[in-house]
Protein backbone atom coordinates (compact mmCIF):
# COMPACT_ATOMS: atom_id res chain seq x y z
CA MET A 1 6.07 -19.38 12.54
CA ILE A 2 4.51 -16.15 13.94
CA VAL A 3 1.13 -14.95 13.36
CA LYS A 4 -0.62 -11.90 14.24
CA ASN A 5 -3.82 -10.42 14.17
CA VAL A 6 -4.02 -7.13 12.09
CA LEU A 7 -6.12 -5.24 14.85
CA ASP A 8 -2.92 -5.66 17.31
CA VAL A 9 -0.62 -4.31 14.95
CA ASN A 10 -0.07 -0.11 15.39
CA ARG A 11 -1.85 2.25 12.63
CA GLU A 12 0.67 4.81 11.90
CA PRO A 13 -0.13 7.86 9.89
CA VAL A 14 1.94 8.34 6.95
CA ILE A 15 2.89 12.09 7.17
CA ALA A 16 5.00 13.07 4.11
CA LYS A 17 4.49 15.63 1.04
CA GLY A 18 2.16 14.30 -1.34
CA ILE A 19 0.69 11.95 0.37
CA ASP A 20 -2.45 12.72 2.21
CA LYS A 21 -5.21 10.71 4.53
CA VAL A 22 -2.94 7.61 4.75
CA THR A 23 -2.15 4.72 7.45
CA LYS A 24 0.13 2.09 7.60
CA GLN A 25 1.08 -0.94 9.63
CA VAL A 26 3.88 -3.34 9.55
CA LEU A 27 2.42 -6.63 9.54
CA LEU A 28 5.70 -8.61 9.56
CA GLY A 29 9.29 -7.61 8.66
CA PRO A 30 12.85 -7.40 10.12
CA ASP A 31 11.51 -6.97 13.37
CA ASP A 32 9.25 -10.23 13.36
CA GLY A 33 12.70 -12.03 11.91
CA ALA A 34 10.90 -11.89 8.43
CA PRO A 35 14.54 -12.52 6.44
CA ASN A 36 13.39 -11.36 2.44
CA PHE A 37 10.14 -9.13 2.92
CA THR A 38 7.77 -6.89 4.85
CA MET A 39 4.04 -6.88 4.74
CA ARG A 40 2.73 -3.73 4.70
CA ARG A 41 -1.25 -2.99 5.27
CA PHE A 42 -2.15 0.63 4.30
CA ILE A 43 -5.53 2.28 4.56
CA VAL A 44 -6.30 5.43 2.60
CA GLU A 45 -9.13 7.50 3.13
CA PRO A 46 -12.12 9.04 0.88
CA GLY A 47 -10.31 11.72 -0.87
CA GLY A 48 -6.64 10.55 -0.09
CA PHE A 49 -3.79 9.14 -1.39
CA THR A 50 -0.29 7.88 -1.52
CA PHE A 51 2.85 9.83 -2.98
CA TYR A 52 3.46 9.49 -6.82
CA HIS A 53 7.12 8.32 -6.84
CA THR A 54 9.44 5.73 -7.66
CA HIS A 55 11.92 3.45 -6.43
CA ASP A 56 14.62 0.61 -7.55
CA PHE A 57 12.98 -2.38 -6.44
CA GLU A 58 9.19 -4.25 -7.50
CA HIS A 59 6.44 -4.70 -4.92
CA GLU A 60 3.37 -6.30 -5.08
CA VAL A 61 0.04 -4.99 -4.15
CA TYR A 62 -3.11 -6.82 -3.04
CA ILE A 63 -6.24 -4.91 -2.47
CA LEU A 64 -8.29 -5.86 0.64
CA ALA A 65 -11.11 -3.20 0.38
CA GLY A 66 -12.93 -0.25 -1.52
CA GLU A 67 -11.40 1.12 -4.50
CA GLY A 68 -9.20 3.46 -6.57
CA ILE A 69 -7.35 4.46 -8.85
CA ALA A 70 -3.23 3.26 -9.99
CA ARG A 71 -1.27 5.74 -11.83
CA ALA A 72 1.23 5.35 -13.42
CA LYS A 73 3.45 7.69 -15.80
CA ASP A 74 1.15 7.29 -18.38
CA ILE A 75 -2.09 5.47 -17.35
CA GLU A 76 -4.83 5.33 -14.47
CA LEU A 77 -6.42 1.93 -13.70
CA LYS A 78 -9.61 1.74 -11.86
CA ILE A 79 -8.88 -1.11 -9.36
CA LYS A 80 -11.19 -2.58 -6.54
CA LYS A 81 -10.68 -5.07 -4.05
CA ASP A 82 -9.20 -8.90 -5.11
CA MET A 83 -7.00 -7.10 -7.33
CA ALA A 84 -3.31 -7.63 -7.46
CA ILE A 85 -0.77 -5.28 -9.06
CA LEU A 86 3.14 -5.59 -9.56
CA VAL A 87 4.61 -2.28 -9.72
CA ILE A 88 7.94 -2.74 -11.10
CA PRO A 89 11.28 -1.31 -10.07
CA ASN A 90 11.57 2.50 -11.06
CA GLU A 91 7.85 2.61 -12.34
CA VAL A 92 6.53 5.85 -10.64
CA HIS A 93 3.14 5.21 -9.16
CA GLN A 94 0.37 6.24 -6.53
CA PHE A 95 -2.29 5.00 -5.18
CA ILE A 96 -5.33 7.46 -4.86
CA ASN A 97 -8.79 6.55 -3.04
CA ASN A 98 -11.64 8.16 -5.07
CA GLY A 99 -14.11 5.70 -3.77
CA ASN A 100 -16.75 6.68 -0.36
CA GLU A 101 -14.94 3.93 2.06
CA ASP A 102 -11.69 3.48 2.88
CA PHE A 103 -9.51 2.13 0.09
CA VAL A 104 -7.37 -0.84 2.20
CA PHE A 105 -4.35 -2.70 0.27
CA LEU A 106 -1.15 -4.61 1.38
CA CYS A 107 2.13 -3.75 -0.23
CA ILE A 108 4.73 -6.60 0.33
CA ILE A 109 8.29 -5.25 -0.44
CA PRO A 110 11.77 -6.44 -0.19
CA ASN A 111 13.97 -6.20 2.89
């Protein structure tokens, strides 16, 4: 069993075109011996956003703090703490912090 304190995991800025004010922590993944999934923690500062993108795998998102918008092709949904989201394969999506505090979420993806 591997146990980590989130405060001990490095926060890395996510720097790419179409992303603003986002940092990421890889909480558990292949480097820890996780064979199937990677658990990541994202922190989106007020006014920040992830990029509008798609990929061929599903991922699950759980909102830990703050509020924002989950944007898909034809819809924008208000999201907040304690909500869970399934992003299906090939669904275009983006997360936007439209609140006044950090928007923090877990994102679990296949390895």
